[in-house]
Amino acid sequence: MADDELKRLVTDQIPHLRRYARALVGERDRADDLVQDSLERAWSRLGLWRRDGNMRAWLFTIMHNLNANAVRQAKRRPRHDPIDETLIMPSTPPNQEQRLELNALSAAIAGLPVDQRAVVLLVGLEQMRYDEVAEILDLPLGTVMSRLHRARERLRRALSGEAVPALRRVK
């Protein structure tokens, strides 16, 4: 496969990667950093990509793994809230109904556990098939389907105003 064709295969996926990263991490700057880190890792390891493989799935797998590593690292560090983010928020929230619904959906998605959020975003936002999601997240197909069901149920409850049951820890 020629270098130009490989470059095209990778660059064709950048809009999809940006959209998924934005939905996954929430902040535009962090999402752009995640996309850049993913592309950097992909370029440096392009020789590891199987020529008969799915480039999109390979890139999303790289992004998922980088994000999972970042989430694990963030749990070990104290929280850092930049001052600049509070300054760019408007003093009054928007009153347009669609914007409010979108904000509610965004908050509900952000409130999902990370494993469920990843499945919802890949299936719902990126329109991937369940088997592709299973390959990207390195999960059995049944696990993908059950996480998607639980995530959709949590979203339905959150958006309808029902109380979302808290997770129980079973020992």
Protein backbone atom coordinates (compact mmCIF):
# COMPACT_ATOMS: atom_id res chain seq x y z
CA MET A 1 0.00 0.00 0.00
CA ALA A 2 1.46 3.37 -1.01
CA ASP A 3 2.31 6.04 1.54
CA ASP A 4 -0.21 8.43 -0.01
CA GLU A 5 -2.99 5.90 0.38
CA LEU A 6 -2.03 5.24 4.02
CA LYS A 7 -1.99 8.98 4.72
CA ARG A 8 -5.43 9.29 3.15
CA LEU A 9 -6.79 6.39 5.22
CA VAL A 10 -5.60 8.08 8.42
CA THR A 11 -6.58 11.65 7.54
CA ASP A 12 -10.06 10.57 6.44
CA GLN A 13 -10.71 9.50 10.04
CA ILE A 14 -9.67 12.79 11.71
CA PRO A 15 -13.20 14.31 11.78
CA HIS A 16 -14.54 11.11 13.34
CA LEU A 17 -11.74 11.05 15.88
CA ARG A 18 -12.31 14.70 16.80
CA ARG A 19 -16.05 14.21 17.25
CA TYR A 20 -15.60 11.12 19.42
CA ALA A 21 -12.83 12.73 21.48
CA ARG A 22 -14.92 15.87 22.07
CA ALA A 23 -17.85 13.80 23.27
CA LEU A 24 -15.60 11.53 25.34
CA VAL A 25 -13.62 14.13 27.29
CA GLY A 26 -15.97 17.12 27.09
CA GLU A 27 -13.42 19.90 26.68
CA ARG A 28 -12.35 21.04 23.23
CA ASP A 29 -8.69 21.57 24.15
CA ARG A 30 -8.36 18.18 25.86
CA ALA A 31 -10.16 16.54 22.92
CA ASP A 32 -7.76 18.12 20.43
CA ASP A 33 -4.83 16.94 22.55
CA LEU A 34 -6.26 13.42 22.62
CA VAL A 35 -6.70 13.40 18.84
CA GLN A 36 -3.17 14.68 18.33
CA ASP A 37 -1.73 12.10 20.72
CA SER A 38 -3.70 9.37 18.96
CA LEU A 39 -2.49 10.44 15.53
CA GLU A 40 1.07 10.75 16.76
CA ARG A 41 0.93 7.22 18.19
CA ALA A 42 -0.66 5.91 14.97
CA TRP A 43 1.97 7.51 12.74
CA SER A 44 4.82 6.21 14.89
CA ARG A 45 3.37 2.69 14.87
CA LEU A 46 1.92 2.60 11.35
CA GLY A 47 4.06 -0.45 10.63
CA LEU A 48 2.05 -2.38 13.24
CA TRP A 49 -1.25 -1.84 11.43
CA ARG A 50 -2.41 -4.95 9.58
CA ARG A 51 -2.95 -4.07 5.94
CA ASP A 52 -6.14 -6.13 5.86
CA GLY A 53 -7.39 -4.49 9.08
CA ASN A 54 -9.89 -1.71 9.67
CA MET A 55 -8.01 1.62 9.93
CA ARG A 56 -10.94 3.32 11.69
CA ALA A 57 -11.16 0.62 14.35
CA TRP A 58 -7.38 0.69 14.83
CA LEU A 59 -7.34 4.48 15.33
CA PHE A 60 -10.32 4.39 17.70
CA THR A 61 -8.62 1.62 19.69
CA ILE A 62 -5.52 3.78 20.05
CA MET A 63 -7.65 6.74 21.17
CA HIS A 64 -9.64 4.63 23.62
CA ASN A 65 -6.46 3.23 25.19
CA LEU A 66 -4.83 6.66 25.47
CA ASN A 67 -7.97 8.06 27.12
CA ALA A 68 -8.20 5.11 29.51
CA ASN A 69 -4.58 5.68 30.52
CA ALA A 70 -5.26 9.39 31.05
CA VAL A 71 -8.33 8.66 33.20
CA ARG A 72 -6.30 6.26 35.35
CA GLN A 73 -3.52 8.83 35.74
CA ALA A 74 -6.00 11.61 36.58
CA LYS A 75 -7.44 9.54 39.42
CA ARG A 76 -4.00 9.50 41.05
CA ARG A 77 -3.49 13.26 40.78
CA PRO A 78 -5.29 16.02 42.64
CA ARG A 79 -7.95 17.86 40.68
CA HIS A 80 -6.84 21.01 38.86
CA ASP A 81 -9.43 23.61 37.91
CA PRO A 82 -8.03 26.33 35.65
CA ILE A 83 -9.24 29.84 36.44
CA ASP A 84 -9.68 30.75 32.76
CA GLU A 85 -12.56 28.32 32.22
CA THR A 86 -14.74 30.09 34.78
CA LEU A 87 -14.20 33.41 33.02
CA ILE A 88 -15.49 32.27 29.61
CA MET A 89 -18.84 31.04 30.91
CA PRO A 90 -21.73 33.41 30.13
CA SER A 91 -23.30 35.19 33.08
CA THR A 92 -26.77 33.97 32.13
CA PRO A 93 -27.54 30.53 30.75
CA PRO A 94 -29.11 30.30 27.30
CA ASN A 95 -32.87 30.10 27.30
CA GLN A 96 -33.40 28.34 23.97
CA GLU A 97 -35.19 25.06 24.51
CA GLN A 98 -33.04 23.06 22.11
CA ARG A 99 -29.85 24.28 23.74
CA LEU A 100 -31.18 23.32 27.16
CA GLU A 101 -32.09 19.84 25.91
CA LEU A 102 -28.65 19.45 24.37
CA ASN A 103 -27.02 20.55 27.60
CA ALA A 104 -29.14 18.05 29.54
CA LEU A 105 -28.14 15.27 27.16
CA SER A 106 -24.49 16.27 27.36
CA ALA A 107 -24.63 16.29 31.16
CA ALA A 108 -26.40 12.93 31.20
CA ILE A 109 -23.76 11.42 28.93
CA ALA A 110 -20.99 12.92 31.05
CA GLY A 111 -22.63 11.35 34.11
CA LEU A 112 -22.38 7.86 32.69
CA PRO A 113 -19.62 5.57 33.91
CA VAL A 114 -16.63 5.69 31.55
CA ASP A 115 -17.16 2.16 30.22
CA GLN A 116 -20.81 2.85 29.35
CA ARG A 117 -20.04 6.31 27.91
CA ALA A 118 -17.48 4.86 25.51
CA VAL A 119 -19.98 2.31 24.18
CA VAL A 120 -22.80 4.88 23.81
CA LEU A 121 -20.55 7.32 21.95
CA LEU A 122 -19.13 4.72 19.58
CA VAL A 123 -22.53 3.23 18.76
CA GLY A 124 -24.69 6.37 18.91
CA LEU A 125 -22.37 9.14 17.78
CA GLU A 126 -19.95 7.29 15.54
CA GLN A 127 -22.61 4.88 14.21
CA MET A 128 -20.31 1.88 14.62
CA ARG A 129 -21.55 -1.70 14.60
CA TYR A 130 -21.48 -3.64 17.85
CA ASP A 131 -18.73 -5.95 16.60
CA GLU A 132 -16.54 -2.94 15.71
CA VAL A 133 -17.08 -1.49 19.18
CA ALA A 134 -16.21 -4.85 20.74
CA GLU A 135 -12.98 -4.92 18.75
CA ILE A 136 -12.04 -1.33 19.64
CA LEU A 137 -12.74 -1.72 23.35
CA ASP A 138 -11.42 -5.30 23.46
CA LEU A 139 -14.66 -6.61 24.96
CA PRO A 140 -16.95 -9.54 24.21
CA LEU A 141 -19.94 -8.65 22.03
CA GLY A 142 -22.39 -9.45 24.85
CA THR A 143 -20.62 -7.04 27.18
CA VAL A 144 -20.91 -4.26 24.60
CA MET A 145 -24.62 -4.94 24.22
CA SER A 146 -25.29 -5.03 27.98
CA ARG A 147 -23.28 -1.84 28.60
CA LEU A 148 -25.18 -0.12 25.83
CA HIS A 149 -28.51 -1.24 27.29
CA ARG A 150 -27.57 -0.06 30.80
CA ALA A 151 -26.27 3.25 29.45
CA ARG A 152 -29.40 3.89 27.41
CA GLU A 153 -31.56 3.10 30.42
CA ARG A 154 -29.56 5.51 32.60
CA LEU A 155 -29.85 8.21 29.93
CA ARG A 156 -33.59 7.65 29.60
CA ARG A 157 -34.04 7.96 33.36
CA ALA A 158 -31.81 11.02 33.63
CA LEU A 159 -33.55 12.84 30.79
CA SER A 160 -37.05 11.99 32.01
CA GLY A 161 -36.27 13.28 35.50
CA GLU A 162 -36.39 9.89 37.18
CA ALA A 163 -33.87 9.22 39.87
CA VAL A 164 -30.95 7.25 38.54
CA PRO A 165 -30.19 4.46 41.01
CA ALA A 166 -26.78 4.72 42.61
CA LEU A 167 -24.33 1.93 41.99
CA ARG A 168 -23.98 -0.57 44.81
CA ARG A 169 -20.66 -2.04 45.74
CA VAL A 170 -20.93 -5.78 46.21
CA LYS A 171 -18.10 -7.54 47.98
